[in-house]
ModelCIF file with pLDDT and N, C-alpha, C, O atoms, coordinates in Angstrom:
data_MODEL
#
_entry.id   MODEL 
#
_entity.id                         1 
_entity.type                       polymer 
_entity.pdbx_number_of_molecules   1 
#
_entity_poly.entity_id                      1 
_entity_poly.type                           'polypeptide(L)' 
_entity_poly.nstd_linkage                   no 
_entity_poly.nstd_monomer                   no 
_entity_poly.pdbx_seq_one_letter_code       FKIKKNLKVFRDKFREIFIFTHTNNKDKEKYFKKIGVNIIK 
_entity_poly.pdbx_seq_one_letter_code_can   FKIKKNLKVFRDKFREIFIFTHTNNKDKEKYFKKIGVNIIK 
_entity_poly.pdbx_strand_id                 A 
#
loop_
_entity_poly_seq.entity_id 
_entity_poly_seq.num 
_entity_poly_seq.mon_id 
_entity_poly_seq.hetero 
1 1  PHE n 
1 2  LYS n 
1 3  ILE n 
1 4  LYS n 
1 5  LYS n 
1 6  ASN n 
1 7  LEU n 
1 8  LYS n 
1 9  VAL n 
1 10 PHE n 
1 11 ARG n 
1 12 ASP n 
1 13 LYS n 
1 14 PHE n 
1 15 ARG n 
1 16 GLU n 
1 17 ILE n 
1 18 PHE n 
1 19 ILE n 
1 20 PHE n 
1 21 THR n 
1 22 HIS n 
1 23 THR n 
1 24 ASN n 
1 25 ASN n 
1 26 LYS n 
1 27 ASP n 
1 28 LYS n 
1 29 GLU n 
1 30 LYS n 
1 31 TYR n 
1 32 PHE n 
1 33 LYS n 
1 34 LYS n 
1 35 ILE n 
1 36 GLY n 
1 37 VAL n 
1 38 ASN n 
1 39 ILE n 
1 40 ILE n 
1 41 LYS n 
#
_struct_asym.id          A 
_struct_asym.entity_id   1 
#
loop_
_ma_qa_metric.id 
_ma_qa_metric.mode 
_ma_qa_metric.name 
_ma_qa_metric.software_group_id 
_ma_qa_metric.type 
1 global pLDDT . pLDDT 
2 local  pLDDT . pLDDT 
#
_ma_qa_metric_global.metric_id      1 
_ma_qa_metric_global.metric_value   93.90 
_ma_qa_metric_global.model_id       1 
_ma_qa_metric_global.ordinal_id     1 
#
loop_
_ma_qa_metric_local.label_asym_id 
_ma_qa_metric_local.label_comp_id 
_ma_qa_metric_local.label_seq_id 
_ma_qa_metric_local.metric_id 
_ma_qa_metric_local.metric_value 
_ma_qa_metric_local.model_id 
_ma_qa_metric_local.ordinal_id 
A PHE 1  2 94.00 1 1  
A LYS 2  2 95.00 1 2  
A ILE 3  2 96.00 1 3  
A LYS 4  2 96.00 1 4  
A LYS 5  2 95.00 1 5  
A ASN 6  2 94.00 1 6  
A LEU 7  2 96.00 1 7  
A LYS 8  2 95.00 1 8  
A VAL 9  2 96.00 1 9  
A PHE 10 2 96.00 1 10 
A ARG 11 2 92.00 1 11 
A ASP 12 2 88.00 1 12 
A LYS 13 2 85.00 1 13 
A PHE 14 2 87.00 1 14 
A ARG 15 2 92.00 1 15 
A GLU 16 2 96.00 1 16 
A ILE 17 2 97.00 1 17 
A PHE 18 2 97.00 1 18 
A ILE 19 2 96.00 1 19 
A PHE 20 2 94.00 1 20 
A THR 21 2 92.00 1 21 
A HIS 22 2 88.00 1 22 
A THR 23 2 90.00 1 23 
A ASN 24 2 91.00 1 24 
A ASN 25 2 93.00 1 25 
A LYS 26 2 94.00 1 26 
A ASP 27 2 95.00 1 27 
A LYS 28 2 95.00 1 28 
A GLU 29 2 95.00 1 29 
A LYS 30 2 96.00 1 30 
A TYR 31 2 96.00 1 31 
A PHE 32 2 97.00 1 32 
A LYS 33 2 95.00 1 33 
A LYS 34 2 95.00 1 34 
A ILE 35 2 95.00 1 35 
A GLY 36 2 95.00 1 36 
A VAL 37 2 97.00 1 37 
A ASN 38 2 96.00 1 38 
A ILE 39 2 96.00 1 39 
A ILE 40 2 93.00 1 40 
A LYS 41 2 89.00 1 41 
#
loop_
_atom_site.group_PDB 
_atom_site.id 
_atom_site.type_symbol 
_atom_site.label_atom_id 
_atom_site.label_alt_id 
_atom_site.label_comp_id 
_atom_site.label_asym_id 
_atom_site.label_entity_id 
_atom_site.label_seq_id 
_atom_site.pdbx_PDB_ins_code 
_atom_site.Cartn_x 
_atom_site.Cartn_y 
_atom_site.Cartn_z 
_atom_site.occupancy 
_atom_site.B_iso_or_equiv 
_atom_site.pdbx_formal_charge 
_atom_site.auth_seq_id 
_atom_site.auth_comp_id 
_atom_site.auth_asym_id 
_atom_site.auth_atom_id 
_atom_site.pdbx_PDB_model_num 
ATOM 1   N N  . PHE A 1 1  ? 94.071 42.728 -15.762 1.00 94.00 ? 1  PHE A N  1 
ATOM 2   C CA . PHE A 1 1  ? 93.667 42.740 -17.168 1.00 94.00 ? 1  PHE A CA 1 
ATOM 3   C C  . PHE A 1 1  ? 93.947 41.390 -17.841 1.00 94.00 ? 1  PHE A C  1 
ATOM 4   O O  . PHE A 1 1  ? 94.582 41.325 -18.893 1.00 94.00 ? 1  PHE A O  1 
ATOM 5   N N  . LYS A 1 2  ? 93.461 40.321 -17.211 1.00 95.00 ? 2  LYS A N  1 
ATOM 6   C CA . LYS A 1 2  ? 93.669 38.971 -17.718 1.00 95.00 ? 2  LYS A CA 1 
ATOM 7   C C  . LYS A 1 2  ? 92.455 38.430 -18.474 1.00 95.00 ? 2  LYS A C  1 
ATOM 8   O O  . LYS A 1 2  ? 92.422 37.255 -18.839 1.00 95.00 ? 2  LYS A O  1 
ATOM 9   N N  . ILE A 1 3  ? 91.473 39.273 -18.705 1.00 96.00 ? 3  ILE A N  1 
ATOM 10  C CA . ILE A 1 3  ? 90.255 38.816 -19.365 1.00 96.00 ? 3  ILE A CA 1 
ATOM 11  C C  . ILE A 1 3  ? 90.557 38.342 -20.785 1.00 96.00 ? 3  ILE A C  1 
ATOM 12  O O  . ILE A 1 3  ? 91.332 38.964 -21.511 1.00 96.00 ? 3  ILE A O  1 
ATOM 13  N N  . LYS A 1 4  ? 89.923 37.219 -21.169 1.00 96.00 ? 4  LYS A N  1 
ATOM 14  C CA . LYS A 1 4  ? 90.116 36.687 -22.520 1.00 96.00 ? 4  LYS A CA 1 
ATOM 15  C C  . LYS A 1 4  ? 89.276 37.493 -23.520 1.00 96.00 ? 4  LYS A C  1 
ATOM 16  O O  . LYS A 1 4  ? 88.214 38.009 -23.174 1.00 96.00 ? 4  LYS A O  1 
ATOM 17  N N  . LYS A 1 5  ? 89.755 37.593 -24.738 1.00 95.00 ? 5  LYS A N  1 
ATOM 18  C CA . LYS A 1 5  ? 89.090 38.402 -25.753 1.00 95.00 ? 5  LYS A CA 1 
ATOM 19  C C  . LYS A 1 5  ? 87.890 37.700 -26.394 1.00 95.00 ? 5  LYS A C  1 
ATOM 20  O O  . LYS A 1 5  ? 86.947 38.357 -26.835 1.00 95.00 ? 5  LYS A O  1 
ATOM 21  N N  . ASN A 1 6  ? 87.927 36.379 -26.444 1.00 94.00 ? 6  ASN A N  1 
ATOM 22  C CA . ASN A 1 6  ? 86.927 35.648 -27.239 1.00 94.00 ? 6  ASN A CA 1 
ATOM 23  C C  . ASN A 1 6  ? 85.765 35.102 -26.413 1.00 94.00 ? 6  ASN A C  1 
ATOM 24  O O  . ASN A 1 6  ? 85.148 34.113 -26.809 1.00 94.00 ? 6  ASN A O  1 
ATOM 25  N N  . LEU A 1 7  ? 85.455 35.716 -25.284 1.00 96.00 ? 7  LEU A N  1 
ATOM 26  C CA . LEU A 1 7  ? 84.376 35.224 -24.432 1.00 96.00 ? 7  LEU A CA 1 
ATOM 27  C C  . LEU A 1 7  ? 83.004 35.525 -25.051 1.00 96.00 ? 7  LEU A C  1 
ATOM 28  O O  . LEU A 1 7  ? 82.827 36.509 -25.769 1.00 96.00 ? 7  LEU A O  1 
ATOM 29  N N  . LYS A 1 8  ? 82.042 34.644 -24.747 1.00 95.00 ? 8  LYS A N  1 
ATOM 30  C CA . LYS A 1 8  ? 80.692 34.778 -25.321 1.00 95.00 ? 8  LYS A CA 1 
ATOM 31  C C  . LYS A 1 8  ? 80.016 36.086 -24.918 1.00 95.00 ? 8  LYS A C  1 
ATOM 32  O O  . LYS A 1 8  ? 79.256 36.654 -25.702 1.00 95.00 ? 8  LYS A O  1 
ATOM 33  N N  . VAL A 1 9  ? 80.280 36.565 -23.722 1.00 96.00 ? 9  VAL A N  1 
ATOM 34  C CA . VAL A 1 9  ? 79.595 37.757 -23.234 1.00 96.00 ? 9  VAL A CA 1 
ATOM 35  C C  . VAL A 1 9  ? 79.857 38.972 -24.120 1.00 96.00 ? 9  VAL A C  1 
ATOM 36  O O  . VAL A 1 9  ? 79.025 39.876 -24.197 1.00 96.00 ? 9  VAL A O  1 
ATOM 37  N N  . PHE A 1 10 ? 81.009 38.997 -24.786 1.00 96.00 ? 10 PHE A N  1 
ATOM 38  C CA . PHE A 1 10 ? 81.367 40.145 -25.616 1.00 96.00 ? 10 PHE A CA 1 
ATOM 39  C C  . PHE A 1 10 ? 80.659 40.145 -26.978 1.00 96.00 ? 10 PHE A C  1 
ATOM 40  O O  . PHE A 1 10 ? 80.772 41.104 -27.741 1.00 96.00 ? 10 PHE A O  1 
ATOM 41  N N  . ARG A 1 11 ? 79.934 39.067 -27.275 1.00 92.00 ? 11 ARG A N  1 
ATOM 42  C CA . ARG A 1 11 ? 79.197 39.011 -28.536 1.00 92.00 ? 11 ARG A CA 1 
ATOM 43  C C  . ARG A 1 11 ? 77.877 39.776 -28.466 1.00 92.00 ? 11 ARG A C  1 
ATOM 44  O O  . ARG A 1 11 ? 77.274 40.088 -29.493 1.00 92.00 ? 11 ARG A O  1 
ATOM 45  N N  . ASP A 1 12 ? 77.441 40.070 -27.262 1.00 88.00 ? 12 ASP A N  1 
ATOM 46  C CA . ASP A 1 12 ? 76.180 40.786 -27.073 1.00 88.00 ? 12 ASP A CA 1 
ATOM 47  C C  . ASP A 1 12 ? 76.424 42.280 -27.266 1.00 88.00 ? 12 ASP A C  1 
ATOM 48  O O  . ASP A 1 12 ? 77.048 42.923 -26.422 1.00 88.00 ? 12 ASP A O  1 
ATOM 49  N N  . LYS A 1 13 ? 75.940 42.825 -28.362 1.00 85.00 ? 13 LYS A N  1 
ATOM 50  C CA . LYS A 1 13 ? 76.176 44.227 -28.704 1.00 85.00 ? 13 LYS A CA 1 
ATOM 51  C C  . LYS A 1 13 ? 75.112 45.159 -28.127 1.00 85.00 ? 13 LYS A C  1 
ATOM 52  O O  . LYS A 1 13 ? 75.182 46.371 -28.331 1.00 85.00 ? 13 LYS A O  1 
ATOM 53  N N  . PHE A 1 14 ? 74.126 44.610 -27.407 1.00 87.00 ? 14 PHE A N  1 
ATOM 54  C CA . PHE A 1 14 ? 73.004 45.418 -26.940 1.00 87.00 ? 14 PHE A CA 1 
ATOM 55  C C  . PHE A 1 14 ? 73.083 45.733 -25.446 1.00 87.00 ? 14 PHE A C  1 
ATOM 56  O O  . PHE A 1 14 ? 72.193 46.381 -24.894 1.00 87.00 ? 14 PHE A O  1 
ATOM 57  N N  . ARG A 1 15 ? 74.154 45.270 -24.795 1.00 92.00 ? 15 ARG A N  1 
ATOM 58  C CA . ARG A 1 15 ? 74.309 45.532 -23.363 1.00 92.00 ? 15 ARG A CA 1 
ATOM 59  C C  . ARG A 1 15 ? 75.578 46.318 -23.084 1.00 92.00 ? 15 ARG A C  1 
ATOM 60  O O  . ARG A 1 15 ? 76.568 46.210 -23.807 1.00 92.00 ? 15 ARG A O  1 
ATOM 61  N N  . GLU A 1 16 ? 75.530 47.111 -22.023 1.00 96.00 ? 16 GLU A N  1 
ATOM 62  C CA . GLU A 1 16 ? 76.743 47.785 -21.578 1.00 96.00 ? 16 GLU A CA 1 
ATOM 63  C C  . GLU A 1 16 ? 77.623 46.791 -20.829 1.00 96.00 ? 16 GLU A C  1 
ATOM 64  O O  . GLU A 1 16 ? 77.147 46.054 -19.967 1.00 96.00 ? 16 GLU A O  1 
ATOM 65  N N  . ILE A 1 17 ? 78.901 46.779 -21.165 1.00 97.00 ? 17 ILE A N  1 
ATOM 66  C CA . ILE A 1 17 ? 79.863 45.927 -20.467 1.00 97.00 ? 17 ILE A CA 1 
ATOM 67  C C  . ILE A 1 17 ? 81.034 46.807 -20.039 1.00 97.00 ? 17 ILE A C  1 
ATOM 68  O O  . ILE A 1 17 ? 81.565 47.580 -20.836 1.00 97.00 ? 17 ILE A O  1 
ATOM 69  N N  . PHE A 1 18 ? 81.430 46.683 -18.777 1.00 97.00 ? 18 PHE A N  1 
ATOM 70  C CA . PHE A 1 18 ? 82.527 47.465 -18.226 1.00 97.00 ? 18 PHE A CA 1 
ATOM 71  C C  . PHE A 1 18 ? 83.600 46.526 -17.669 1.00 97.00 ? 18 PHE A C  1 
ATOM 72  O O  . PHE A 1 18 ? 83.281 45.549 -16.991 1.00 97.00 ? 18 PHE A O  1 
ATOM 73  N N  . ILE A 1 19 ? 84.843 46.818 -17.949 1.00 96.00 ? 19 ILE A N  1 
ATOM 74  C CA . ILE A 1 19 ? 85.969 46.119 -17.335 1.00 96.00 ? 19 ILE A CA 1 
ATOM 75  C C  . ILE A 1 19 ? 86.668 47.097 -16.397 1.00 96.00 ? 19 ILE A C  1 
ATOM 76  O O  . ILE A 1 19 ? 87.147 48.146 -16.826 1.00 96.00 ? 19 ILE A O  1 
ATOM 77  N N  . PHE A 1 20 ? 86.722 46.745 -15.114 1.00 94.00 ? 20 PHE A N  1 
ATOM 78  C CA . PHE A 1 20 ? 87.428 47.555 -14.121 1.00 94.00 ? 20 PHE A CA 1 
ATOM 79  C C  . PHE A 1 20 ? 88.823 46.951 -13.931 1.00 94.00 ? 20 PHE A C  1 
ATOM 80  O O  . PHE A 1 20 ? 88.944 45.782 -13.562 1.00 94.00 ? 20 PHE A O  1 
ATOM 81  N N  . THR A 1 21 ? 89.855 47.722 -14.177 1.00 92.00 ? 21 THR A N  1 
ATOM 82  C CA . THR A 1 21 ? 91.214 47.187 -14.065 1.00 92.00 ? 21 THR A CA 1 
ATOM 83  C C  . THR A 1 21 ? 92.174 48.216 -13.487 1.00 92.00 ? 21 THR A C  1 
ATOM 84  O O  . THR A 1 21 ? 91.937 49.422 -13.560 1.00 92.00 ? 21 THR A O  1 
ATOM 85  N N  . HIS A 1 22 ? 93.266 47.714 -12.909 1.00 88.00 ? 22 HIS A N  1 
ATOM 86  C CA . HIS A 1 22 ? 94.351 48.568 -12.409 1.00 88.00 ? 22 HIS A CA 1 
ATOM 87  C C  . HIS A 1 22 ? 95.539 48.572 -13.367 1.00 88.00 ? 22 HIS A C  1 
ATOM 88  O O  . HIS A 1 22 ? 96.507 49.302 -13.159 1.00 88.00 ? 22 HIS A O  1 
ATOM 89  N N  . THR A 1 23 ? 95.462 47.759 -14.410 1.00 90.00 ? 23 THR A N  1 
ATOM 90  C CA . THR A 1 23 ? 96.630 47.496 -15.259 1.00 90.00 ? 23 THR A CA 1 
ATOM 91  C C  . THR A 1 23 ? 96.514 48.188 -16.614 1.00 90.00 ? 23 THR A C  1 
ATOM 92  O O  . THR A 1 23 ? 95.448 48.198 -17.229 1.00 90.00 ? 23 THR A O  1 
ATOM 93  N N  . ASN A 1 24 ? 97.615 48.759 -17.066 1.00 91.00 ? 24 ASN A N  1 
ATOM 94  C CA . ASN A 1 24 ? 97.663 49.355 -18.401 1.00 91.00 ? 24 ASN A CA 1 
ATOM 95  C C  . ASN A 1 24 ? 98.045 48.298 -19.432 1.00 91.00 ? 24 ASN A C  1 
ATOM 96  O O  . ASN A 1 24 ? 99.047 47.598 -19.282 1.00 91.00 ? 24 ASN A O  1 
ATOM 97  N N  . ASN A 1 25 ? 97.240 48.197 -20.470 1.00 93.00 ? 25 ASN A N  1 
ATOM 98  C CA . ASN A 1 25 ? 97.537 47.279 -21.569 1.00 93.00 ? 25 ASN A CA 1 
ATOM 99  C C  . ASN A 1 25 ? 96.914 47.895 -22.826 1.00 93.00 ? 25 ASN A C  1 
ATOM 100 O O  . ASN A 1 25 ? 95.745 47.655 -23.129 1.00 93.00 ? 25 ASN A O  1 
ATOM 101 N N  . LYS A 1 26 ? 97.695 48.679 -23.545 1.00 94.00 ? 26 LYS A N  1 
ATOM 102 C CA . LYS A 1 26 ? 97.178 49.468 -24.658 1.00 94.00 ? 26 LYS A CA 1 
ATOM 103 C C  . LYS A 1 26 ? 96.547 48.612 -25.747 1.00 94.00 ? 26 LYS A C  1 
ATOM 104 O O  . LYS A 1 26 ? 95.531 48.999 -26.325 1.00 94.00 ? 26 LYS A O  1 
ATOM 105 N N  . ASP A 1 27 ? 97.138 47.449 -26.036 1.00 95.00 ? 27 ASP A N  1 
ATOM 106 C CA . ASP A 1 27 ? 96.587 46.580 -27.074 1.00 95.00 ? 27 ASP A CA 1 
ATOM 107 C C  . ASP A 1 27 ? 95.198 46.074 -26.697 1.00 95.00 ? 27 ASP A C  1 
ATOM 108 O O  . ASP A 1 27 ? 94.275 46.090 -27.512 1.00 95.00 ? 27 ASP A O  1 
ATOM 109 N N  . LYS A 1 28 ? 95.060 45.618 -25.433 1.00 95.00 ? 28 LYS A N  1 
ATOM 110 C CA . LYS A 1 28 ? 93.760 45.116 -24.989 1.00 95.00 ? 28 LYS A CA 1 
ATOM 111 C C  . LYS A 1 28 ? 92.728 46.243 -24.898 1.00 95.00 ? 28 LYS A C  1 
ATOM 112 O O  . LYS A 1 28 ? 91.564 46.072 -25.261 1.00 95.00 ? 28 LYS A O  1 
ATOM 113 N N  . GLU A 1 29 ? 93.174 47.378 -24.413 1.00 95.00 ? 29 GLU A N  1 
ATOM 114 C CA . GLU A 1 29 ? 92.260 48.519 -24.324 1.00 95.00 ? 29 GLU A CA 1 
ATOM 115 C C  . GLU A 1 29 ? 91.726 48.884 -25.698 1.00 95.00 ? 29 GLU A C  1 
ATOM 116 O O  . GLU A 1 29 ? 90.529 49.121 -25.863 1.00 95.00 ? 29 GLU A O  1 
ATOM 117 N N  . LYS A 1 30 ? 92.598 48.929 -26.665 1.00 96.00 ? 30 LYS A N  1 
ATOM 118 C CA . LYS A 1 30 ? 92.210 49.281 -28.026 1.00 96.00 ? 30 LYS A CA 1 
ATOM 119 C C  . LYS A 1 30 ? 91.213 48.267 -28.579 1.00 96.00 ? 30 LYS A C  1 
ATOM 120 O O  . LYS A 1 30 ? 90.223 48.637 -29.211 1.00 96.00 ? 30 LYS A O  1 
ATOM 121 N N  . TYR A 1 31 ? 91.487 46.978 -28.334 1.00 96.00 ? 31 TYR A N  1 
ATOM 122 C CA . TYR A 1 31 ? 90.615 45.917 -28.838 1.00 96.00 ? 31 TYR A CA 1 
ATOM 123 C C  . TYR A 1 31 ? 89.219 46.022 -28.227 1.00 96.00 ? 31 TYR A C  1 
ATOM 124 O O  . TYR A 1 31 ? 88.216 46.001 -28.940 1.00 96.00 ? 31 TYR A O  1 
ATOM 125 N N  . PHE A 1 32 ? 89.168 46.136 -26.897 1.00 97.00 ? 32 PHE A N  1 
ATOM 126 C CA . PHE A 1 32 ? 87.861 46.137 -26.234 1.00 97.00 ? 32 PHE A CA 1 
ATOM 127 C C  . PHE A 1 32 ? 87.066 47.403 -26.537 1.00 97.00 ? 32 PHE A C  1 
ATOM 128 O O  . PHE A 1 32 ? 85.847 47.345 -26.692 1.00 97.00 ? 32 PHE A O  1 
ATOM 129 N N  . LYS A 1 33 ? 87.735 48.531 -26.622 1.00 95.00 ? 33 LYS A N  1 
ATOM 130 C CA . LYS A 1 33 ? 87.028 49.766 -26.978 1.00 95.00 ? 33 LYS A CA 1 
ATOM 131 C C  . LYS A 1 33 ? 86.441 49.668 -28.383 1.00 95.00 ? 33 LYS A C  1 
ATOM 132 O O  . LYS A 1 33 ? 85.366 50.203 -28.654 1.00 95.00 ? 33 LYS A O  1 
ATOM 133 N N  . LYS A 1 34 ? 87.153 48.984 -29.270 1.00 95.00 ? 34 LYS A N  1 
ATOM 134 C CA . LYS A 1 34 ? 86.699 48.825 -30.649 1.00 95.00 ? 34 LYS A CA 1 
ATOM 135 C C  . LYS A 1 34 ? 85.413 48.019 -30.720 1.00 95.00 ? 34 LYS A C  1 
ATOM 136 O O  . LYS A 1 34 ? 84.570 48.275 -31.579 1.00 95.00 ? 34 LYS A O  1 
ATOM 137 N N  . ILE A 1 35 ? 85.251 47.044 -29.825 1.00 95.00 ? 35 ILE A N  1 
ATOM 138 C CA . ILE A 1 35 ? 84.037 46.216 -29.848 1.00 95.00 ? 35 ILE A CA 1 
ATOM 139 C C  . ILE A 1 35 ? 82.956 46.760 -28.902 1.00 95.00 ? 35 ILE A C  1 
ATOM 140 O O  . ILE A 1 35 ? 81.935 46.111 -28.674 1.00 95.00 ? 35 ILE A O  1 
ATOM 141 N N  . GLY A 1 36 ? 83.194 47.953 -28.358 1.00 95.00 ? 36 GLY A N  1 
ATOM 142 C CA . GLY A 1 36 ? 82.161 48.612 -27.563 1.00 95.00 ? 36 GLY A CA 1 
ATOM 143 C C  . GLY A 1 36 ? 82.183 48.345 -26.077 1.00 95.00 ? 36 GLY A C  1 
ATOM 144 O O  . GLY A 1 36 ? 81.219 48.667 -25.382 1.00 95.00 ? 36 GLY A O  1 
ATOM 145 N N  . VAL A 1 37 ? 83.276 47.755 -25.561 1.00 97.00 ? 37 VAL A N  1 
ATOM 146 C CA . VAL A 1 37 ? 83.402 47.490 -24.131 1.00 97.00 ? 37 VAL A CA 1 
ATOM 147 C C  . VAL A 1 37 ? 84.061 48.701 -23.460 1.00 97.00 ? 37 VAL A C  1 
ATOM 148 O O  . VAL A 1 37 ? 85.032 49.254 -23.975 1.00 97.00 ? 37 VAL A O  1 
ATOM 149 N N  . ASN A 1 38 ? 83.528 49.099 -22.321 1.00 96.00 ? 38 ASN A N  1 
ATOM 150 C CA . ASN A 1 38 ? 84.046 50.257 -21.589 1.00 96.00 ? 38 ASN A CA 1 
ATOM 151 C C  . ASN A 1 38 ? 85.157 49.835 -20.630 1.00 96.00 ? 38 ASN A C  1 
ATOM 152 O O  . ASN A 1 38 ? 85.002 48.861 -19.892 1.00 96.00 ? 38 ASN A O  1 
ATOM 153 N N  . ILE A 1 39 ? 86.259 50.548 -20.636 1.00 96.00 ? 39 ILE A N  1 
ATOM 154 C CA . ILE A 1 39 ? 87.383 50.259 -19.741 1.00 96.00 ? 39 ILE A CA 1 
ATOM 155 C C  . ILE A 1 39 ? 87.438 51.339 -18.667 1.00 96.00 ? 39 ILE A C  1 
ATOM 156 O O  . ILE A 1 39 ? 87.546 52.524 -18.984 1.00 96.00 ? 39 ILE A O  1 
ATOM 157 N N  . ILE A 1 40 ? 87.366 50.939 -17.403 1.00 93.00 ? 40 ILE A N  1 
ATOM 158 C CA . ILE A 1 40 ? 87.463 51.864 -16.273 1.00 93.00 ? 40 ILE A CA 1 
ATOM 159 C C  . ILE A 1 40 ? 88.784 51.587 -15.561 1.00 93.00 ? 40 ILE A C  1 
ATOM 160 O O  . ILE A 1 40 ? 88.986 50.496 -15.028 1.00 93.00 ? 40 ILE A O  1 
ATOM 161 N N  . LYS A 1 41 ? 89.679 52.567 -15.550 1.00 89.00 ? 41 LYS A N  1 
ATOM 162 C CA . LYS A 1 41 ? 90.994 52.408 -14.911 1.00 89.00 ? 41 LYS A CA 1 
ATOM 163 C C  . LYS A 1 41 ? 90.867 52.777 -13.430 1.00 89.00 ? 41 LYS A C  1 
ATOM 164 O O  . LYS A 1 41 ? 91.850 52.718 -12.692 1.00 89.00 ? 41 LYS A O  1 
#
């Protein structure tokens, strides 16, 4: 779960984006879910 929050790819609101991770990070999960990114544990 080392992905940066401010990457250009996350500005596209019309595409599905999934992050596959093994790591728990509640703050990052909350942030990415808020901007519409799907988290797969």
